[in-house]
């Protein structure tokens, strides 16, 4: 009986280790198409410009914010 207990403990430990080593769950990442469709705008709305990449506003210098889908 003790022999089987040790085997189950070892197998359980290996399963636990493999889950932890792999992260345990799938990580959600943005698809390349989603990244290409991101749009940015000044939070102060200084201009009506909508840009394809992050950066700073050309008028006030504030960091552009990602426009969320409504």
C-alpha atoms as a PDB file:
ATOM      1  CA  UNK A   1       0.000   0.000   0.000  1.00  0.00           C
ATOM      2  CA  UNK A   2       2.842   2.416   0.827  1.00  0.00           C
ATOM      3  CA  UNK A   3       4.368   1.695  -2.568  1.00  0.00           C
ATOM      4  CA  UNK A   4       1.196   2.906  -4.364  1.00  0.00           C
ATOM      5  CA  UNK A   5       0.974   5.997  -2.167  1.00  0.00           C
ATOM      6  CA  UNK A   6       4.481   7.039  -3.193  1.00  0.00           C
ATOM      7  CA  UNK A   7       3.688   6.433  -6.869  1.00  0.00           C
ATOM      8  CA  UNK A   8       0.533   8.571  -6.664  1.00  0.00           C
ATOM      9  CA  UNK A   9       2.388  11.343  -4.842  1.00  0.00           C
ATOM     10  CA  UNK A  10       5.133  11.387  -7.455  1.00  0.00           C
ATOM     11  CA  UNK A  11       2.639  11.381 -10.341  1.00  0.00           C
ATOM     12  CA  UNK A  12       0.560  14.096  -8.665  1.00  0.00           C
ATOM     13  CA  UNK A  13       3.672  16.197  -8.142  1.00  0.00           C
ATOM     14  CA  UNK A  14       4.664  15.824 -11.787  1.00  0.00           C
ATOM     15  CA  UNK A  15       1.184  16.839 -12.933  1.00  0.00           C
ATOM     16  CA  UNK A  16       1.208  19.877 -10.657  1.00  0.00           C
ATOM     17  CA  UNK A  17       4.676  20.863 -11.837  1.00  0.00           C
ATOM     18  CA  UNK A  18       3.701  20.570 -15.511  1.00  0.00           C
ATOM     19  CA  UNK A  19       0.614  22.747 -14.961  1.00  0.00           C
ATOM     20  CA  UNK A  20       2.630  25.419 -13.188  1.00  0.00           C
ATOM     21  CA  UNK A  21       5.448  25.300 -15.720  1.00  0.00           C
ATOM     22  CA  UNK A  22       3.025  25.801 -18.618  1.00  0.00           C
ATOM     23  CA  UNK A  23       1.166  28.629 -16.947  1.00  0.00           C
ATOM     24  CA  UNK A  24      -1.874  26.509 -16.096  1.00  0.00           C
ATOM     25  CA  UNK A  25      -4.182  28.441 -18.411  1.00  0.00           C
ATOM     26  CA  UNK A  26      -4.072  29.858 -21.873  1.00  0.00           C
ATOM     27  CA  UNK A  27      -3.037  33.467 -22.107  1.00  0.00           C
ATOM     28  CA  UNK A  28      -5.124  35.691 -24.335  1.00  0.00           C
ATOM     29  CA  UNK A  29      -3.156  37.788 -26.766  1.00  0.00           C
ATOM     30  CA  UNK A  30      -4.352  40.303 -29.296  1.00  0.00           C
ATOM     31  CA  UNK A  31      -4.426  39.085 -32.851  1.00  0.00           C
ATOM     32  CA  UNK A  32      -2.209  40.967 -35.300  1.00  0.00           C
ATOM     33  CA  UNK A  33      -5.338  42.173 -37.140  1.00  0.00           C
ATOM     34  CA  UNK A  34      -6.635  43.746 -33.917  1.00  0.00           C
ATOM     35  CA  UNK A  35      -3.345  45.546 -33.338  1.00  0.00           C
ATOM     36  CA  UNK A  36      -3.406  46.926 -36.878  1.00  0.00           C
ATOM     37  CA  UNK A  37      -6.918  48.322 -36.305  1.00  0.00           C
ATOM     38  CA  UNK A  38      -6.044  50.273 -33.142  1.00  0.00           C
ATOM     39  CA  UNK A  39      -6.711  53.991 -33.335  1.00  0.00           C
ATOM     40  CA  UNK A  40      -5.417  56.767 -31.058  1.00  0.00           C
ATOM     41  CA  UNK A  41      -6.689  60.266 -30.272  1.00  0.00           C
ATOM     42  CA  UNK A  42      -5.778  63.119 -27.914  1.00  0.00           C
ATOM     43  CA  UNK A  43      -7.729  62.869 -24.628  1.00  0.00           C
ATOM     44  CA  UNK A  44      -8.296  66.645 -24.729  1.00  0.00           C
ATOM     45  CA  UNK A  45      -9.666  66.440 -28.306  1.00  0.00           C
ATOM     46  CA  UNK A  46      -7.383  69.332 -29.380  1.00  0.00           C
ATOM     47  CA  UNK A  47      -7.619  68.099 -32.933  1.00  0.00           C
ATOM     48  CA  UNK A  48      -9.949  65.733 -34.709  1.00  0.00           C
ATOM     49  CA  UNK A  49      -6.922  63.693 -35.792  1.00  0.00           C
ATOM     50  CA  UNK A  50      -7.217  59.945 -35.323  1.00  0.00           C
ATOM     51  CA  UNK A  51      -3.872  58.193 -35.664  1.00  0.00           C
ATOM     52  CA  UNK A  52      -2.883  54.567 -36.261  1.00  0.00           C
ATOM     53  CA  UNK A  53      -0.082  54.520 -33.700  1.00  0.00           C
ATOM     54  CA  UNK A  54       0.545  55.707 -30.150  1.00  0.00           C
ATOM     55  CA  UNK A  55       2.437  58.919 -29.560  1.00  0.00           C
ATOM     56  CA  UNK A  56       1.848  62.485 -28.411  1.00  0.00           C
ATOM     57  CA  UNK A  57      -0.622  65.131 -29.549  1.00  0.00           C
ATOM     58  CA  UNK A  58       0.904  67.528 -32.053  1.00  0.00           C
ATOM     59  CA  UNK A  59      -0.740  70.537 -30.330  1.00  0.00           C
ATOM     60  CA  UNK A  60      -0.718  69.973 -26.558  1.00  0.00           C
ATOM     61  CA  UNK A  61       1.875  67.186 -26.290  1.00  0.00           C
ATOM     62  CA  UNK A  62      -0.343  64.862 -24.222  1.00  0.00           C
ATOM     63  CA  UNK A  63      -0.035  61.127 -24.719  1.00  0.00           C
ATOM     64  CA  UNK A  64      -2.594  59.809 -27.172  1.00  0.00           C
ATOM     65  CA  UNK A  65      -5.196  57.365 -25.819  1.00  0.00           C
ATOM     66  CA  UNK A  66      -6.434  54.255 -27.539  1.00  0.00           C
ATOM     67  CA  UNK A  67      -9.967  54.702 -28.834  1.00  0.00           C
ATOM     68  CA  UNK A  68     -12.191  51.950 -27.484  1.00  0.00           C
ATOM     69  CA  UNK A  69     -14.872  50.349 -29.571  1.00  0.00           C
ATOM     70  CA  UNK A  70     -18.354  51.485 -28.575  1.00  0.00           C
END
